[in-house]
C-alpha atoms as a PDB file:
ATOM      1  CA  MET A   1     230.707 -52.066 145.896  1.00  0.00           C
ATOM      2  CA  ALA A   2     232.137 -51.344 142.489  1.00  0.00           C
ATOM      3  CA  PHE A   3     233.393 -52.711 139.240  1.00  0.00           C
ATOM      4  CA  GLU A   4     237.025 -53.757 139.252  1.00  0.00           C
ATOM      5  CA  ILE A   5     238.420 -52.919 135.814  1.00  0.00           C
ATOM      6  CA  SER A   6     242.056 -53.974 135.537  1.00  0.00           C
ATOM      7  CA  ILE A   7     243.787 -52.540 132.470  1.00  0.00           C
ATOM      8  CA  GLU A   8     247.156 -54.102 131.711  1.00  0.00           C
ATOM      9  CA  ARG A   9     249.464 -52.498 129.157  1.00  0.00           C
ATOM     10  CA  GLU A  10     251.989 -54.305 126.996  1.00  0.00           C
ATOM     11  CA  VAL A  11     252.169 -51.274 124.701  1.00  0.00           C
ATOM     12  CA  ASP A  12     252.401 -47.571 125.441  1.00  0.00           C
ATOM     13  CA  VAL A  13     248.958 -46.005 125.868  1.00  0.00           C
ATOM     14  CA  ALA A  14     248.330 -42.531 127.267  1.00  0.00           C
ATOM     15  CA  ALA A  15     246.760 -42.256 130.718  1.00  0.00           C
ATOM     16  CA  ALA A  16     243.882 -40.244 129.232  1.00  0.00           C
ATOM     17  CA  ILE A  17     243.000 -43.167 126.947  1.00  0.00           C
ATOM     18  CA  ILE A  18     243.187 -45.608 129.865  1.00  0.00           C
ATOM     19  CA  SER A  19     240.640 -43.430 131.664  1.00  0.00           C
ATOM     20  CA  LEU A  20     238.339 -43.440 128.610  1.00  0.00           C
ATOM     21  CA  LEU A  21     238.568 -47.235 128.346  1.00  0.00           C
ATOM     22  CA  HIS A  22     237.711 -47.606 132.022  1.00  0.00           C
ATOM     23  CA  GLU A  23     234.713 -45.300 131.501  1.00  0.00           C
ATOM     24  CA  ALA A  24     233.574 -47.348 128.485  1.00  0.00           C
ATOM     25  CA  ALA A  25     233.840 -50.603 130.447  1.00  0.00           C
ATOM     26  CA  VAL A  26     231.808 -49.241 133.354  1.00  0.00           C
ATOM     27  CA  ALA A  27     229.193 -47.792 130.968  1.00  0.00           C
ATOM     28  CA  ALA A  28     228.780 -51.158 129.218  1.00  0.00           C
ATOM     29  CA  LEU A  29     228.480 -53.070 132.490  1.00  0.00           C
ATOM     30  CA  GLN A  30     225.964 -50.587 133.902  1.00  0.00           C
ATOM     31  CA  HIS A  31     223.944 -50.491 130.665  1.00  0.00           C
ATOM     32  CA  GLN A  32     223.609 -54.264 130.800  1.00  0.00           C
ATOM     33  CA  GLY A  33     222.613 -54.298 134.448  1.00  0.00           C
ATOM     34  CA  VAL A  34     225.644 -56.287 135.569  1.00  0.00           C
ATOM     35  CA  GLU A  35     225.602 -56.560 139.327  1.00  0.00           C
ATOM     36  CA  GLU A  36     228.464 -55.247 141.367  1.00  0.00           C
ATOM     37  CA  PRO A  37     230.981 -56.328 142.450  1.00  0.00           C
ATOM     38  CA  THR A  38     232.240 -57.609 139.095  1.00  0.00           C
ATOM     39  CA  ALA A  39     235.785 -57.678 137.729  1.00  0.00           C
ATOM     40  CA  ILE A  40     237.196 -57.763 134.214  1.00  0.00           C
ATOM     41  CA  THR A  41     240.720 -57.554 132.865  1.00  0.00           C
ATOM     42  CA  ILE A  42     241.593 -55.669 129.692  1.00  0.00           C
ATOM     43  CA  LEU A  43     244.944 -56.365 128.044  1.00  0.00           C
ATOM     44  CA  LEU A  44     246.214 -53.657 125.695  1.00  0.00           C
ATOM     45  CA  SER A  45     248.710 -55.335 123.405  1.00  0.00           C
ATOM     46  CA  ASP A  46     249.932 -55.561 119.828  1.00  0.00           C
ATOM     47  CA  ASP A  47     249.090 -57.386 116.602  1.00  0.00           C
ATOM     48  CA  ALA A  48     251.513 -60.250 117.263  1.00  0.00           C
ATOM     49  CA  THR A  49     249.946 -61.060 120.625  1.00  0.00           C
ATOM     50  CA  LEU A  50     246.388 -60.913 119.285  1.00  0.00           C
ATOM     51  CA  HIS A  51     247.461 -63.026 116.303  1.00  0.00           C
ATOM     52  CA  ALA A  52     248.896 -65.667 118.654  1.00  0.00           C
ATOM     53  CA  LEU A  53     245.787 -65.645 120.868  1.00  0.00           C
ATOM     54  CA  ASN A  54     243.492 -65.785 117.833  1.00  0.00           C
ATOM     55  CA  LYS A  55     245.410 -68.786 116.482  1.00  0.00           C
ATOM     56  CA  ALA A  56     245.604 -70.586 119.834  1.00  0.00           C
ATOM     57  CA  PHE A  57     241.994 -70.135 120.916  1.00  0.00           C
ATOM     58  CA  LEU A  58     239.976 -69.674 117.715  1.00  0.00           C
ATOM     59  CA  ASP A  59     242.222 -71.378 115.150  1.00  0.00           C
ATOM     60  CA  GLU A  60     242.260 -68.129 113.140  1.00  0.00           C
ATOM     61  CA  ASP A  61     245.762 -67.550 111.755  1.00  0.00           C
ATOM     62  CA  GLN A  62     245.588 -63.751 111.585  1.00  0.00           C
ATOM     63  CA  PRO A  63     245.687 -60.735 113.863  1.00  0.00           C
ATOM     64  CA  THR A  64     242.424 -59.232 115.053  1.00  0.00           C
ATOM     65  CA  ASP A  65     241.262 -56.142 116.895  1.00  0.00           C
ATOM     66  CA  VAL A  66     239.714 -57.609 120.054  1.00  0.00           C
ATOM     67  CA  LEU A  67     239.173 -60.997 121.681  1.00  0.00           C
ATOM     68  CA  SER A  68     236.997 -61.876 124.655  1.00  0.00           C
ATOM     69  CA  PHE A  69     237.573 -64.727 127.057  1.00  0.00           C
ATOM     70  CA  PRO A  70     234.596 -65.327 129.364  1.00  0.00           C
ATOM     71  CA  ALA A  71     235.529 -66.657 132.779  1.00  0.00           C
ATOM     72  CA  GLY A  72     234.589 -70.213 133.555  1.00  0.00           C
ATOM     73  CA  GLU A  73     233.094 -71.343 136.802  1.00  0.00           C
ATOM     74  CA  PRO A  74     234.936 -69.775 139.737  1.00  0.00           C
ATOM     75  CA  LEU A  75     237.094 -72.046 141.816  1.00  0.00           C
ATOM     76  CA  PRO A  76     235.787 -72.625 145.349  1.00  0.00           C
ATOM     77  CA  GLY A  77     237.233 -70.050 147.734  1.00  0.00           C
ATOM     78  CA  MET A  78     238.812 -67.982 144.981  1.00  0.00           C
ATOM     79  CA  ASP A  79     237.993 -64.297 144.560  1.00  0.00           C
ATOM     80  CA  ASP A  80     235.040 -64.264 146.934  1.00  0.00           C
ATOM     81  CA  PHE A  81     234.596 -60.502 146.720  1.00  0.00           C
ATOM     82  CA  PHE A  82     234.496 -59.917 142.953  1.00  0.00           C
ATOM     83  CA  HIS A  83     232.763 -62.016 140.319  1.00  0.00           C
ATOM     84  CA  HIS A  84     235.338 -62.248 137.497  1.00  0.00           C
ATOM     85  CA  LEU A  85     233.392 -61.831 134.260  1.00  0.00           C
ATOM     86  CA  GLY A  86     236.366 -62.532 131.994  1.00  0.00           C
ATOM     87  CA  ASP A  87     239.230 -61.015 130.041  1.00  0.00           C
ATOM     88  CA  ILE A  88     239.489 -58.871 126.934  1.00  0.00           C
ATOM     89  CA  ALA A  89     242.593 -58.550 124.748  1.00  0.00           C
ATOM     90  CA  LEU A  90     242.828 -55.556 122.410  1.00  0.00           C
ATOM     91  CA  SER A  91     245.426 -54.780 119.745  1.00  0.00           C
ATOM     92  CA  VAL A  92     246.201 -51.067 119.982  1.00  0.00           C
ATOM     93  CA  PRO A  93     247.907 -50.894 116.545  1.00  0.00           C
ATOM     94  CA  TYR A  94     245.002 -52.743 114.899  1.00  0.00           C
ATOM     95  CA  ALA A  95     242.477 -50.420 116.545  1.00  0.00           C
ATOM     96  CA  THR A  96     244.523 -47.404 115.457  1.00  0.00           C
ATOM     97  CA  ARG A  97     244.495 -48.567 111.826  1.00  0.00           C
ATOM     98  CA  GLN A  98     240.742 -49.201 111.962  1.00  0.00           C
ATOM     99  CA  ALA A  99     240.133 -45.748 113.432  1.00  0.00           C
ATOM    100  CA  ARG A 100     242.212 -44.120 110.708  1.00  0.00           C
ATOM    101  CA  ALA A 101     240.324 -46.067 108.008  1.00  0.00           C
ATOM    102  CA  LYS A 102     236.966 -45.007 109.504  1.00  0.00           C
ATOM    103  CA  GLY A 103     238.047 -41.388 110.042  1.00  0.00           C
ATOM    104  CA  HIS A 104     237.893 -41.071 113.823  1.00  0.00           C
ATOM    105  CA  GLU A 105     240.192 -41.058 116.834  1.00  0.00           C
ATOM    106  CA  ALA A 106     241.965 -44.211 117.980  1.00  0.00           C
ATOM    107  CA  ALA A 107     240.640 -43.667 121.519  1.00  0.00           C
ATOM    108  CA  ALA A 108     237.055 -43.844 120.238  1.00  0.00           C
ATOM    109  CA  GLU A 109     237.810 -47.063 118.356  1.00  0.00           C
ATOM    110  CA  MET A 110     239.337 -48.598 121.462  1.00  0.00           C
ATOM    111  CA  GLN A 111     236.269 -47.583 123.491  1.00  0.00           C
ATOM    112  CA  LEU A 112     234.075 -49.318 120.896  1.00  0.00           C
ATOM    113  CA  LEU A 113     236.242 -52.432 121.135  1.00  0.00           C
ATOM    114  CA  VAL A 114     236.036 -52.483 124.935  1.00  0.00           C
ATOM    115  CA  VAL A 115     232.233 -52.240 124.736  1.00  0.00           C
ATOM    116  CA  HIS A 116     232.215 -54.928 122.020  1.00  0.00           C
ATOM    117  CA  GLY A 117     234.432 -57.202 124.114  1.00  0.00           C
ATOM    118  CA  ILE A 118     232.287 -56.800 127.223  1.00  0.00           C
ATOM    119  CA  LEU A 119     229.134 -57.604 125.264  1.00  0.00           C
ATOM    120  CA  HIS A 120     230.819 -60.834 124.116  1.00  0.00           C
ATOM    121  CA  LEU A 121     231.648 -61.620 127.769  1.00  0.00           C
ATOM    122  CA  LEU A 122     227.950 -61.173 128.498  1.00  0.00           C
ATOM    123  CA  GLY A 123     226.909 -63.636 125.790  1.00  0.00           C
ATOM    124  CA  TYR A 124     226.270 -61.382 122.796  1.00  0.00           C
ATOM    125  CA  ASP A 125     227.437 -62.580 119.398  1.00  0.00           C
ATOM    126  CA  HIS A 126     227.258 -61.490 115.771  1.00  0.00           C
ATOM    127  CA  ALA A 127     227.351 -64.812 113.952  1.00  0.00           C
ATOM    128  CA  THR A 128     223.917 -64.302 112.391  1.00  0.00           C
ATOM    129  CA  PRO A 129     222.313 -61.137 110.999  1.00  0.00           C
ATOM    130  CA  GLN A 130     219.795 -61.128 113.863  1.00  0.00           C
ATOM    131  CA  GLU A 131     222.518 -61.478 116.516  1.00  0.00           C
ATOM    132  CA  GLN A 132     224.613 -58.824 114.821  1.00  0.00           C
ATOM    133  CA  GLY A 133     221.682 -56.417 114.670  1.00  0.00           C
ATOM    134  CA  GLN A 134     220.997 -56.825 118.375  1.00  0.00           C
ATOM    135  CA  MET A 135     224.671 -56.488 119.321  1.00  0.00           C
ATOM    136  CA  TRP A 136     225.253 -53.462 117.069  1.00  0.00           C
ATOM    137  CA  HIS A 137     222.118 -51.780 118.464  1.00  0.00           C
ATOM    138  CA  THR A 138     223.274 -52.341 122.041  1.00  0.00           C
ATOM    139  CA  GLN A 139     226.772 -51.068 121.231  1.00  0.00           C
ATOM    140  CA  ALA A 140     225.276 -47.958 119.638  1.00  0.00           C
ATOM    141  CA  GLU A 141     223.210 -47.253 122.759  1.00  0.00           C
ATOM    142  CA  ILE A 142     226.270 -47.510 125.005  1.00  0.00           C
ATOM    143  CA  LEU A 143     228.470 -45.465 122.666  1.00  0.00           C
ATOM    144  CA  THR A 144     225.801 -42.767 122.471  1.00  0.00           C
ATOM    145  CA  GLN A 145     225.816 -42.570 126.277  1.00  0.00           C
ATOM    146  CA  LEU A 146     229.578 -42.041 126.036  1.00  0.00           C
ATOM    147  CA  GLY A 147     229.142 -39.240 123.499  1.00  0.00           C
ATOM    148  CA  LEU A 148     230.353 -41.444 120.642  1.00  0.00           C
ATOM    149  CA  GLY A 149     227.084 -41.877 118.755  1.00  0.00           C
ATOM    150  CA  GLY A 150     228.795 -41.584 115.365  1.00  0.00           C
ATOM    151  CA  ILE A 151     231.195 -44.482 115.961  1.00  0.00           C
ATOM    152  CA  ALA A 152     230.088 -47.653 114.214  1.00  0.00           C
ATOM    153  CA  PRO A 153     231.305 -51.225 114.634  1.00  0.00           C
ATOM    154  CA  HIS A 154     233.892 -52.442 112.183  1.00  0.00           C
ATOM    155  CA  ASP A 155     232.715 -54.646 109.333  1.00  0.00           C
ATOM    156  CA  GLU A 156     234.907 -57.706 109.837  1.00  0.00           C
ATOM    157  CA  SER A 157     234.670 -58.705 106.188  1.00  0.00           C
ATOM    158  CA  ASP A 158     236.699 -55.581 105.305  1.00  0.00           C
ATOM    159  CA  GLU A 159     239.709 -56.905 107.217  1.00  0.00           C
ATOM    160  CA  ARG A 160     239.973 -60.468 105.924  1.00  0.00           C
ATOM    161  CA  PRO A 161     243.294 -61.124 104.199  1.00  0.00           C
ATOM    162  CA  SER A 162     242.942 -61.732 100.481  1.00  0.00           C
ATOM    163  CA  ALA A 163     245.546 -64.461 100.366  1.00  0.00           C
END
């Protein structure tokens, strides 16, 4: 048994980064005690795609770094081997800008976003200070296991458009 991590690319991303994102996804799933076999899909895309998804699903008319789409109830007879946890969409250019602003590598930022997205698939949220504290703590534990203990979640209020 295993985790099935499908990483789809709409933008050019180095194979080494794909490997790091796969490692981050597995680390998050293992840290949270997710039972195997479980599948997730990660879409690596651009700002325009994330903007369109953000508008369509969350009524937010702006690009974003990462979105999570938990799977609904499985259809009878479909995907009997793997439990599909859900899908994550990540804007590579957005993540690259955030990494530059925070002074670390884009790969590390994308690993953070994969962990963040998986935690959302598992029911974590950051709508309240208490929820955010729990989610940020869990992310920090996973990132530390990955050797990225100095990488901190992005403060979403820093990215809101002023107009």
